[in-house]
Amino acid sequence: MLEPEPEPFRLVLDATAQALSVCGEPLVADGSGALYWHGERTLLVADLHLEKGSSYAVRGTLLPPYDTRETLARLAEAIERYDPARVIALGDSFQDAGGANRIGADDLDRLEALQADREGIGIAGNHDPVTKDSVYNRGGFAAIPNLCILGMTHPEIVVFDEYELEIWGHAHRDYHDMKPLRDPRPRAARWHITMAHGHYEPPETWHNPLRPSWLISDAMIAATEADYLALGHWDRAAQVGGGAVPAYYSGSPDYVGTVNLVRLTAAGEVVVTRENVVTGAP
């Protein structure tokens, strides 16, 4: 894969961001919880859980109704800070499928404005599956330019020909059980990345799982034959599987204090490291 020559990295970081270098590639672990990849002008976020406060409110638990506005403000600051060419959201962007009925018009306008003039890629999680009445359909997300949502704008795969890269995954289409890694797609590009949102169960407890739904096994991981498997659902960071495919949960940055940095090298190597997220002044 030909790698474009990155521009000089001269971002001015605030006290809550940490500049990193992995295999010579400049990256930034932002204090907002986002990760910025300078060479690809890509901002990665996960588990925004928009409209979480209103979701609790309809169930009788009252929380301050400002979480969506605050989350979008932090995302806007990160986008303004780095001016990314694309934003990748790794699932559970909304707390539940009813978020589109509750989100305010001003917040929806803010969300659309943040995506203007840049690519967006997302996958639905177990909190916000792509149902017929989902937040994605009712919110008109398919009409937002350059936004890719697996299970909606793209059935299963997004291809980046210029990077010889494909990203494949199954979206959650309802709240019922499903197999996140069912029917793995054969490789059709140099780099084959798989995304999945579910619970890994090791061989010793597979027949008596600790959690009953959205299960992922060693055999399922190996069957993807992916260069890297990005997993969501756990709040802790962990490498899982039998080792045939690099498979990692990055966890919640707020909880574990780290992010996973993944580098696909010109030599064909996949390098994964955990890096600290700085959330306060040193």
C-alpha atoms as a PDB file:
ATOM      1  CA  MET A   1       0.000   0.000   0.000  1.00  0.00           C
ATOM      2  CA  LEU A   2       1.403   3.377  -0.978  1.00  0.00           C
ATOM      3  CA  GLU A   3       1.412   5.766   1.947  1.00  0.00           C
ATOM      4  CA  PRO A   4       1.070   9.501   1.250  1.00  0.00           C
ATOM      5  CA  GLU A   5       3.864  11.681   2.585  1.00  0.00           C
ATOM      6  CA  PRO A   6       2.443  13.403   5.694  1.00  0.00           C
ATOM      7  CA  GLU A   7       2.672  17.141   6.087  1.00  0.00           C
ATOM      8  CA  PRO A   8       4.850  18.474   8.926  1.00  0.00           C
ATOM      9  CA  PHE A   9       3.084  17.942  12.239  1.00  0.00           C
ATOM     10  CA  ARG A  10       2.884  21.309  13.968  1.00  0.00           C
ATOM     11  CA  LEU A  11      -0.359  21.233  15.943  1.00  0.00           C
ATOM     12  CA  VAL A  12      -0.460  23.406  19.021  1.00  0.00           C
ATOM     13  CA  LEU A  13      -1.822  21.159  21.772  1.00  0.00           C
ATOM     14  CA  ASP A  14      -3.635  22.242  24.898  1.00  0.00           C
ATOM     15  CA  ALA A  15      -2.877  20.803  28.330  1.00  0.00           C
ATOM     16  CA  THR A  16      -5.442  17.983  27.956  1.00  0.00           C
ATOM     17  CA  ALA A  17      -3.945  16.470  24.780  1.00  0.00           C
ATOM     18  CA  GLN A  18      -1.004  14.128  24.400  1.00  0.00           C
ATOM     19  CA  ALA A  19       1.124  13.998  21.250  1.00  0.00           C
ATOM     20  CA  LEU A  20       2.185  10.463  20.348  1.00  0.00           C
ATOM     21  CA  SER A  21       4.413   8.870  17.743  1.00  0.00           C
ATOM     22  CA  VAL A  22       3.839   5.258  16.712  1.00  0.00           C
ATOM     23  CA  CYS A  23       6.243   3.852  14.101  1.00  0.00           C
ATOM     24  CA  GLY A  24       7.069   7.443  13.200  1.00  0.00           C
ATOM     25  CA  GLU A  25       3.413   8.342  12.619  1.00  0.00           C
ATOM     26  CA  PRO A  26       2.212  11.438  14.559  1.00  0.00           C
ATOM     27  CA  LEU A  27      -1.013  10.906  16.552  1.00  0.00           C
ATOM     28  CA  VAL A  28      -2.853  12.841  19.221  1.00  0.00           C
ATOM     29  CA  ALA A  29      -4.811  11.398  22.169  1.00  0.00           C
ATOM     30  CA  ASP A  30      -7.164  14.310  22.719  1.00  0.00           C
ATOM     31  CA  GLY A  31      -8.499  15.142  26.169  1.00  0.00           C
ATOM     32  CA  SER A  32     -12.049  14.931  24.803  1.00  0.00           C
ATOM     33  CA  GLY A  33     -11.605  11.160  24.399  1.00  0.00           C
ATOM     34  CA  ALA A  34     -11.091  11.352  20.622  1.00  0.00           C
ATOM     35  CA  LEU A  35      -8.025  10.134  18.767  1.00  0.00           C
ATOM     36  CA  TYR A  36      -6.567  12.137  15.859  1.00  0.00           C
ATOM     37  CA  TRP A  37      -4.463  10.477  13.155  1.00  0.00           C
ATOM     38  CA  HIS A  38      -2.617  13.316  11.457  1.00  0.00           C
ATOM     39  CA  GLY A  39      -1.264  11.444   8.433  1.00  0.00           C
ATOM     40  CA  GLU A  40      -4.782  10.384   7.392  1.00  0.00           C
ATOM     41  CA  ARG A  41      -6.532  13.511   8.761  1.00  0.00           C
ATOM     42  CA  THR A  42      -8.914  11.179  10.639  1.00  0.00           C
ATOM     43  CA  LEU A  43     -10.683  11.739  13.971  1.00  0.00           C
ATOM     44  CA  LEU A  44     -11.972   8.631  15.790  1.00  0.00           C
ATOM     45  CA  VAL A  45     -14.682   8.683  18.462  1.00  0.00           C
ATOM     46  CA  ALA A  46     -16.818   6.025  20.188  1.00  0.00           C
ATOM     47  CA  ASP A  47     -19.785   5.657  22.546  1.00  0.00           C
ATOM     48  CA  LEU A  48     -21.080   9.240  22.387  1.00  0.00           C
ATOM     49  CA  HIS A  49     -24.465   8.066  23.803  1.00  0.00           C
ATOM     50  CA  LEU A  50     -26.326  11.205  22.674  1.00  0.00           C
ATOM     51  CA  GLU A  51     -29.666  11.791  24.420  1.00  0.00           C
ATOM     52  CA  LYS A  52     -28.705   9.631  27.385  1.00  0.00           C
ATOM     53  CA  GLY A  53     -30.275  12.065  29.834  1.00  0.00           C
ATOM     54  CA  SER A  54     -33.629  12.109  28.047  1.00  0.00           C
ATOM     55  CA  SER A  55     -33.544   8.309  27.765  1.00  0.00           C
ATOM     56  CA  TYR A  56     -33.323   8.029  31.543  1.00  0.00           C
ATOM     57  CA  ALA A  57     -36.000  10.713  31.969  1.00  0.00           C
ATOM     58  CA  VAL A  58     -38.663   8.757  30.059  1.00  0.00           C
ATOM     59  CA  ARG A  59     -38.010   5.885  32.481  1.00  0.00           C
ATOM     60  CA  GLY A  60     -38.490   8.063  35.541  1.00  0.00           C
ATOM     61  CA  THR A  61     -34.863   8.874  36.386  1.00  0.00           C
ATOM     62  CA  LEU A  62     -34.296  12.600  36.014  1.00  0.00           C
ATOM     63  CA  LEU A  63     -30.869  13.828  34.926  1.00  0.00           C
ATOM     64  CA  PRO A  64     -29.786  17.266  33.692  1.00  0.00           C
ATOM     65  CA  PRO A  65     -30.875  17.406  30.011  1.00  0.00           C
ATOM     66  CA  TYR A  66     -27.652  18.927  28.698  1.00  0.00           C
ATOM     67  CA  ASP A  67     -25.558  15.860  27.863  1.00  0.00           C
ATOM     68  CA  THR A  68     -26.138  15.973  24.096  1.00  0.00           C
ATOM     69  CA  ARG A  69     -25.286  19.649  23.879  1.00  0.00           C
ATOM     70  CA  GLU A  70     -22.149  19.172  25.973  1.00  0.00           C
ATOM     71  CA  THR A  71     -21.001  16.126  23.978  1.00  0.00           C
ATOM     72  CA  LEU A  72     -21.522  17.896  20.648  1.00  0.00           C
ATOM     73  CA  ALA A  73     -19.683  20.949  21.982  1.00  0.00           C
ATOM     74  CA  ARG A  74     -16.666  18.793  22.904  1.00  0.00           C
ATOM     75  CA  LEU A  75     -16.815  17.091  19.507  1.00  0.00           C
ATOM     76  CA  ALA A  76     -17.029  20.480  17.783  1.00  0.00           C
ATOM     77  CA  GLU A  77     -13.966  21.682  19.679  1.00  0.00           C
ATOM     78  CA  ALA A  78     -12.004  18.604  18.585  1.00  0.00           C
ATOM     79  CA  ILE A  79     -13.099  19.052  14.959  1.00  0.00           C
ATOM     80  CA  GLU A  80     -12.181  22.732  15.030  1.00  0.00           C
ATOM     81  CA  ARG A  81      -8.848  21.902  16.635  1.00  0.00           C
ATOM     82  CA  TYR A  82      -7.777  19.297  14.055  1.00  0.00           C
ATOM     83  CA  ASP A  83      -9.939  20.022  10.962  1.00  0.00           C
ATOM     84  CA  PRO A  84     -10.176  16.298  10.026  1.00  0.00           C
ATOM     85  CA  ALA A  85     -11.029  15.100   6.528  1.00  0.00           C
ATOM     86  CA  ARG A  86     -13.110  12.291   8.041  1.00  0.00           C
ATOM     87  CA  VAL A  87     -14.703  11.301  11.353  1.00  0.00           C
ATOM     88  CA  ILE A  88     -15.178   7.633  12.326  1.00  0.00           C
ATOM     89  CA  ALA A  89     -17.760   6.766  15.030  1.00  0.00           C
ATOM     90  CA  LEU A  90     -17.372   3.250  16.451  1.00  0.00           C
ATOM     91  CA  GLY A  91     -20.916   2.511  17.675  1.00  0.00           C
ATOM     92  CA  ASP A  92     -23.444   3.575  20.319  1.00  0.00           C
ATOM     93  CA  SER A  93     -23.531   7.133  19.028  1.00  0.00           C
ATOM     94  CA  PHE A  94     -27.050   7.402  20.513  1.00  0.00           C
ATOM     95  CA  GLN A  95     -28.264   6.019  23.815  1.00  0.00           C
ATOM     96  CA  ASP A  96     -31.261   4.339  22.184  1.00  0.00           C
ATOM     97  CA  ALA A  97     -33.312   4.253  18.974  1.00  0.00           C
ATOM     98  CA  GLY A  98     -35.730   6.872  20.310  1.00  0.00           C
ATOM     99  CA  GLY A  99     -33.084   9.566  20.404  1.00  0.00           C
ATOM    100  CA  ALA A 100     -34.247  11.155  17.150  1.00  0.00           C
ATOM    101  CA  ASN A 101     -37.667  11.886  18.686  1.00  0.00           C
ATOM    102  CA  ARG A 102     -36.080  13.592  21.665  1.00  0.00           C
ATOM    103  CA  ILE A 103     -33.047  15.386  20.259  1.00  0.00           C
ATOM    104  CA  GLY A 104     -33.615  19.110  19.878  1.00  0.00           C
ATOM    105  CA  ALA A 105     -33.673  20.729  16.444  1.00  0.00           C
ATOM    106  CA  ASP A 106     -30.714  22.935  17.362  1.00  0.00           C
ATOM    107  CA  ASP A 107     -28.636  19.922  18.399  1.00  0.00           C
ATOM    108  CA  LEU A 108     -29.546  18.051  15.213  1.00  0.00           C
ATOM    109  CA  ASP A 109     -28.482  21.093  13.175  1.00  0.00           C
ATOM    110  CA  ARG A 110     -25.193  21.171  15.096  1.00  0.00           C
ATOM    111  CA  LEU A 111     -24.599  17.481  14.357  1.00  0.00           C
ATOM    112  CA  GLU A 112     -25.217  17.976  10.635  1.00  0.00           C
ATOM    113  CA  ALA A 113     -22.979  21.049  10.543  1.00  0.00           C
ATOM    114  CA  LEU A 114     -20.126  19.112  12.171  1.00  0.00           C
ATOM    115  CA  GLN A 115     -20.215  16.607   9.312  1.00  0.00           C
ATOM    116  CA  ALA A 116     -20.264  19.204   6.526  1.00  0.00           C
ATOM    117  CA  ASP A 117     -17.354  19.067   4.057  1.00  0.00           C
ATOM    118  CA  ARG A 118     -15.845  15.898   5.537  1.00  0.00           C
ATOM    119  CA  GLU A 119     -16.318  12.136   5.309  1.00  0.00           C
ATOM    120  CA  GLY A 120     -18.028  10.255   8.103  1.00  0.00           C
ATOM    121  CA  ILE A 121     -18.088   6.526   8.854  1.00  0.00           C
ATOM    122  CA  GLY A 122     -20.112   4.871  11.599  1.00  0.00           C
ATOM    123  CA  ILE A 123     -21.427   1.512  12.728  1.00  0.00           C
ATOM    124  CA  ALA A 124     -24.602   0.981  14.743  1.00  0.00           C
ATOM    125  CA  GLY A 125     -24.187  -0.512  18.199  1.00  0.00           C
ATOM    126  CA  ASN A 126     -26.482  -2.425  20.521  1.00  0.00           C
ATOM    127  CA  HIS A 127     -27.800   0.844  21.989  1.00  0.00           C
ATOM    128  CA  ASP A 128     -28.747   2.321  18.602  1.00  0.00           C
ATOM    129  CA  PRO A 129     -29.505  -0.506  16.138  1.00  0.00           C
ATOM    130  CA  VAL A 130     -30.591   0.281  12.567  1.00  0.00           C
ATOM    131  CA  THR A 131     -34.316  -0.451  12.911  1.00  0.00           C
ATOM    132  CA  LYS A 132     -36.975   1.000  10.594  1.00  0.00           C
ATOM    133  CA  ASP A 133     -37.803   3.619  13.217  1.00  0.00           C
ATOM    134  CA  SER A 134     -34.205   4.117  14.326  1.00  0.00           C
ATOM    135  CA  VAL A 135     -32.579   7.441  15.063  1.00  0.00           C
ATOM    136  CA  TYR A 136     -30.604   7.101  11.842  1.00  0.00           C
ATOM    137  CA  ASN A 137     -33.699   6.780   9.635  1.00  0.00           C
ATOM    138  CA  ARG A 138     -35.873   9.340  11.410  1.00  0.00           C
ATOM    139  CA  GLY A 139     -32.994  11.783  11.708  1.00  0.00           C
ATOM    140  CA  GLY A 140     -32.259  11.741   7.985  1.00  0.00           C
ATOM    141  CA  PHE A 141     -28.654  10.682   8.464  1.00  0.00           C
ATOM    142  CA  ALA A 142     -28.474   9.108   4.999  1.00  0.00           C
ATOM    143  CA  ALA A 143     -28.863  12.588   3.472  1.00  0.00           C
ATOM    144  CA  ILE A 144     -25.764  13.963   5.229  1.00  0.00           C
ATOM    145  CA  PRO A 145     -22.969  14.245   2.627  1.00  0.00           C
ATOM    146  CA  ASN A 146     -19.916  11.986   3.053  1.00  0.00           C
ATOM    147  CA  LEU A 147     -21.448  10.068   5.994  1.00  0.00           C
ATOM    148  CA  CYS A 148     -21.166   6.264   5.845  1.00  0.00           C
ATOM    149  CA  ILE A 149     -23.192   4.126   8.274  1.00  0.00           C
ATOM    150  CA  LEU A 150     -22.817   0.360   8.014  1.00  0.00           C
ATOM    151  CA  GLY A 151     -26.290  -1.140   7.827  1.00  0.00           C
ATOM    152  CA  MET A 152     -27.820   1.991   6.345  1.00  0.00           C
ATOM    153  CA  THR A 153     -25.827   3.893   3.723  1.00  0.00           C
ATOM    154  CA  HIS A 154     -23.683   0.810   3.113  1.00  0.00           C
ATOM    155  CA  PRO A 155     -25.070  -2.681   3.779  1.00  0.00           C
ATOM    156  CA  GLU A 156     -21.876  -4.215   5.126  1.00  0.00           C
ATOM    157  CA  ILE A 157     -18.721  -2.629   3.726  1.00  0.00           C
ATOM    158  CA  VAL A 158     -17.013   0.696   3.003  1.00  0.00           C
ATOM    159  CA  VAL A 159     -14.147   0.675   0.494  1.00  0.00           C
ATOM    160  CA  PHE A 160     -11.291   3.185   0.213  1.00  0.00           C
ATOM    161  CA  ASP A 161      -9.680   2.343  -3.122  1.00  0.00           C
ATOM    162  CA  GLU A 162      -6.929   4.927  -2.763  1.00  0.00           C
ATOM    163  CA  TYR A 163      -5.657   3.135   0.355  1.00  0.00           C
ATOM    164  CA  GLU A 164      -6.429  -0.435  -0.790  1.00  0.00           C
ATOM    165  CA  LEU A 165      -8.565  -0.628   2.348  1.00  0.00           C
ATOM    166  CA  GLU A 166     -11.996  -2.089   3.130  1.00  0.00           C
ATOM    167  CA  ILE A 167     -13.931  -1.903   6.413  1.00  0.00           C
ATOM    168  CA  TRP A 168     -16.573  -4.602   6.928  1.00  0.00           C
ATOM    169  CA  GLY A 169     -19.121  -5.282   9.664  1.00  0.00           C
ATOM    170  CA  HIS A 170     -22.707  -6.210  10.574  1.00  0.00           C
ATOM    171  CA  ALA A 171     -24.865  -3.502  12.122  1.00  0.00           C
ATOM    172  CA  HIS A 172     -27.307  -4.258  14.915  1.00  0.00           C
ATOM    173  CA  ARG A 173     -30.707  -4.046  13.186  1.00  0.00           C
ATOM    174  CA  ASP A 174     -32.869  -4.680  16.258  1.00  0.00           C
ATOM    175  CA  TYR A 175     -32.579  -5.210  20.018  1.00  0.00           C
ATOM    176  CA  HIS A 176     -32.626  -9.008  19.754  1.00  0.00           C
ATOM    177  CA  ASP A 177     -29.690 -11.368  19.827  1.00  0.00           C
ATOM    178  CA  MET A 178     -27.497 -11.586  16.721  1.00  0.00           C
ATOM    179  CA  LYS A 179     -24.102 -12.929  15.715  1.00  0.00           C
ATOM    180  CA  PRO A 180     -21.863  -9.910  15.057  1.00  0.00           C
ATOM    181  CA  LEU A 181     -19.351 -11.927  12.989  1.00  0.00           C
ATOM    182  CA  ARG A 182     -21.712 -14.176  11.032  1.00  0.00           C
ATOM    183  CA  ASP A 183     -21.008 -14.940   7.350  1.00  0.00           C
ATOM    184  CA  PRO A 184     -17.569 -13.285   7.169  1.00  0.00           C
ATOM    185  CA  ARG A 185     -16.919 -11.449   3.936  1.00  0.00           C
ATOM    186  CA  PRO A 186     -13.999 -12.685   1.805  1.00  0.00           C
ATOM    187  CA  ARG A 187     -11.098 -10.288   1.412  1.00  0.00           C
ATOM    188  CA  ALA A 188     -11.290  -8.094  -1.696  1.00  0.00           C
ATOM    189  CA  ALA A 189      -8.587  -5.510  -0.876  1.00  0.00           C
ATOM    190  CA  ARG A 190      -5.016  -5.357   0.397  1.00  0.00           C
ATOM    191  CA  TRP A 191      -6.183  -4.361   3.881  1.00  0.00           C
ATOM    192  CA  HIS A 192      -9.284  -6.028   5.337  1.00  0.00           C
ATOM    193  CA  ILE A 193     -10.555  -4.496   8.600  1.00  0.00           C
ATOM    194  CA  THR A 194     -13.554  -5.863  10.493  1.00  0.00           C
ATOM    195  CA  MET A 195     -15.716  -3.954  12.998  1.00  0.00           C
ATOM    196  CA  ALA A 196     -18.066  -5.669  15.455  1.00  0.00           C
ATOM    197  CA  HIS A 197     -20.111  -4.746  18.521  1.00  0.00           C
ATOM    198  CA  GLY A 198     -20.626  -7.679  20.877  1.00  0.00           C
ATOM    199  CA  HIS A 199     -19.411  -9.814  23.772  1.00  0.00           C
ATOM    200  CA  TYR A 200     -16.369 -12.090  23.496  1.00  0.00           C
ATOM    201  CA  GLU A 201     -16.756 -15.407  25.298  1.00  0.00           C
ATOM    202  CA  PRO A 202     -13.599 -17.560  25.770  1.00  0.00           C
ATOM    203  CA  PRO A 203     -13.608 -21.315  25.046  1.00  0.00           C
ATOM    204  CA  GLU A 204     -13.766 -22.316  28.700  1.00  0.00           C
ATOM    205  CA  THR A 205     -17.141 -20.607  29.242  1.00  0.00           C
ATOM    206  CA  TRP A 206     -18.577 -20.735  25.713  1.00  0.00           C
ATOM    207  CA  HIS A 207     -21.199 -23.378  26.571  1.00  0.00           C
ATOM    208  CA  ASN A 208     -22.205 -21.533  29.742  1.00  0.00           C
ATOM    209  CA  PRO A 209     -21.665 -17.880  28.750  1.00  0.00           C
ATOM    210  CA  LEU A 210     -21.431 -15.109  31.299  1.00  0.00           C
ATOM    211  CA  ARG A 211     -23.583 -12.973  28.987  1.00  0.00           C
ATOM    212  CA  PRO A 212     -26.274 -14.486  26.755  1.00  0.00           C
ATOM    213  CA  SER A 213     -26.332 -12.198  23.728  1.00  0.00           C
ATOM    214  CA  TRP A 214     -24.216 -10.861  20.817  1.00  0.00           C
ATOM    215  CA  LEU A 215     -21.579 -13.523  21.390  1.00  0.00           C
ATOM    216  CA  ILE A 216     -18.190 -13.702  19.679  1.00  0.00           C
ATOM    217  CA  SER A 217     -15.986 -16.823  19.813  1.00  0.00           C
ATOM    218  CA  ASP A 218     -12.389 -17.623  18.936  1.00  0.00           C
ATOM    219  CA  ALA A 219     -13.558 -19.532  15.853  1.00  0.00           C
ATOM    220  CA  MET A 220     -15.672 -16.600  14.687  1.00  0.00           C
ATOM    221  CA  ILE A 221     -12.722 -14.236  15.058  1.00  0.00           C
ATOM    222  CA  ALA A 222     -10.396 -16.544  13.126  1.00  0.00           C
ATOM    223  CA  ALA A 223     -12.970 -16.986  10.343  1.00  0.00           C
ATOM    224  CA  THR A 224     -12.878 -13.272   9.497  1.00  0.00           C
ATOM    225  CA  GLU A 225      -9.256 -13.628   8.289  1.00  0.00           C
ATOM    226  CA  ALA A 226      -9.041  -9.868   8.901  1.00  0.00           C
ATOM    227  CA  ASP A 227      -5.882  -7.848   9.317  1.00  0.00           C
ATOM    228  CA  TYR A 228      -7.457  -6.270  12.391  1.00  0.00           C
ATOM    229  CA  LEU A 229     -10.738  -6.715  14.301  1.00  0.00           C
ATOM    230  CA  ALA A 230     -11.991  -3.598  16.127  1.00  0.00           C
ATOM    231  CA  LEU A 231     -14.423  -4.567  18.889  1.00  0.00           C
ATOM    232  CA  GLY A 232     -16.904  -2.498  20.859  1.00  0.00           C
ATOM    233  CA  HIS A 233     -19.188  -3.213  23.855  1.00  0.00           C
ATOM    234  CA  TRP A 234     -16.723  -3.649  26.713  1.00  0.00           C
ATOM    235  CA  ASP A 235     -15.710  -0.651  28.809  1.00  0.00           C
ATOM    236  CA  ARG A 236     -12.312  -2.195  29.546  1.00  0.00           C
ATOM    237  CA  ALA A 237      -9.420  -2.621  27.108  1.00  0.00           C
ATOM    238  CA  ALA A 238      -8.458  -6.159  26.180  1.00  0.00           C
ATOM    239  CA  GLN A 239      -6.949  -8.314  23.467  1.00  0.00           C
ATOM    240  CA  VAL A 240      -9.121 -11.369  22.828  1.00  0.00           C
ATOM    241  CA  GLY A 241      -9.233 -14.453  20.639  1.00  0.00           C
ATOM    242  CA  GLY A 242      -6.801 -17.243  19.931  1.00  0.00           C
ATOM    243  CA  GLY A 243      -4.262 -15.062  18.136  1.00  0.00           C
ATOM    244  CA  ALA A 244      -5.135 -15.897  14.518  1.00  0.00           C
ATOM    245  CA  VAL A 245      -6.441 -12.343  14.018  1.00  0.00           C
ATOM    246  CA  PRO A 246      -5.435  -9.246  16.047  1.00  0.00           C
ATOM    247  CA  ALA A 247      -8.681  -8.576  17.939  1.00  0.00           C
ATOM    248  CA  TYR A 248      -8.967  -5.777  20.486  1.00  0.00           C
ATOM    249  CA  TYR A 249     -11.477  -3.932  22.619  1.00  0.00           C
ATOM    250  CA  SER A 250     -10.237  -0.383  23.128  1.00  0.00           C
ATOM    251  CA  GLY A 251     -12.608   0.172  26.063  1.00  0.00           C
ATOM    252  CA  SER A 252     -13.918   3.500  27.281  1.00  0.00           C
ATOM    253  CA  PRO A 253     -11.153   6.151  27.417  1.00  0.00           C
ATOM    254  CA  ASP A 254     -12.847   7.745  30.436  1.00  0.00           C
ATOM    255  CA  TYR A 255     -12.708   4.418  32.308  1.00  0.00           C
ATOM    256  CA  VAL A 256      -9.403   2.859  31.253  1.00  0.00           C
ATOM    257  CA  GLY A 257      -7.522   6.086  30.497  1.00  0.00           C
ATOM    258  CA  THR A 258      -6.076   4.726  27.247  1.00  0.00           C
ATOM    259  CA  VAL A 259      -6.820   4.374  23.534  1.00  0.00           C
ATOM    260  CA  ASN A 260      -5.708   1.711  21.068  1.00  0.00           C
ATOM    261  CA  LEU A 261      -3.446   2.940  18.284  1.00  0.00           C
ATOM    262  CA  VAL A 262      -3.420   0.714  15.191  1.00  0.00           C
ATOM    263  CA  ARG A 263      -0.830   1.092  12.440  1.00  0.00           C
ATOM    264  CA  LEU A 264      -0.987  -0.750   9.104  1.00  0.00           C
ATOM    265  CA  THR A 265       2.565  -0.552   7.790  1.00  0.00           C
ATOM    266  CA  ALA A 266       3.912  -0.603   4.249  1.00  0.00           C
ATOM    267  CA  ALA A 267       5.723  -3.832   5.184  1.00  0.00           C
ATOM    268  CA  GLY A 268       2.368  -5.510   5.898  1.00  0.00           C
ATOM    269  CA  GLU A 269       2.635  -5.434   9.676  1.00  0.00           C
ATOM    270  CA  VAL A 270      -0.190  -4.574  12.074  1.00  0.00           C
ATOM    271  CA  VAL A 271       1.154  -2.720  15.103  1.00  0.00           C
ATOM    272  CA  VAL A 272      -1.221  -2.178  18.053  1.00  0.00           C
ATOM    273  CA  THR A 273      -0.298  -0.200  21.174  1.00  0.00           C
ATOM    274  CA  ARG A 274      -2.207   1.260  24.103  1.00  0.00           C
ATOM    275  CA  GLU A 275      -1.467   4.895  24.791  1.00  0.00           C
ATOM    276  CA  ASN A 276      -2.451   7.041  27.749  1.00  0.00           C
ATOM    277  CA  VAL A 277      -5.096   9.722  27.392  1.00  0.00           C
ATOM    278  CA  VAL A 278      -4.153  12.883  29.253  1.00  0.00           C
ATOM    279  CA  THR A 279      -7.251  14.417  30.821  1.00  0.00           C
ATOM    280  CA  GLY A 280      -5.704  17.142  32.923  1.00  0.00           C
ATOM    281  CA  ALA A 281      -2.769  19.496  33.092  1.00  0.00           C
ATOM    282  CA  PRO A 282       0.550  17.687  33.651  1.00  0.00           C
END
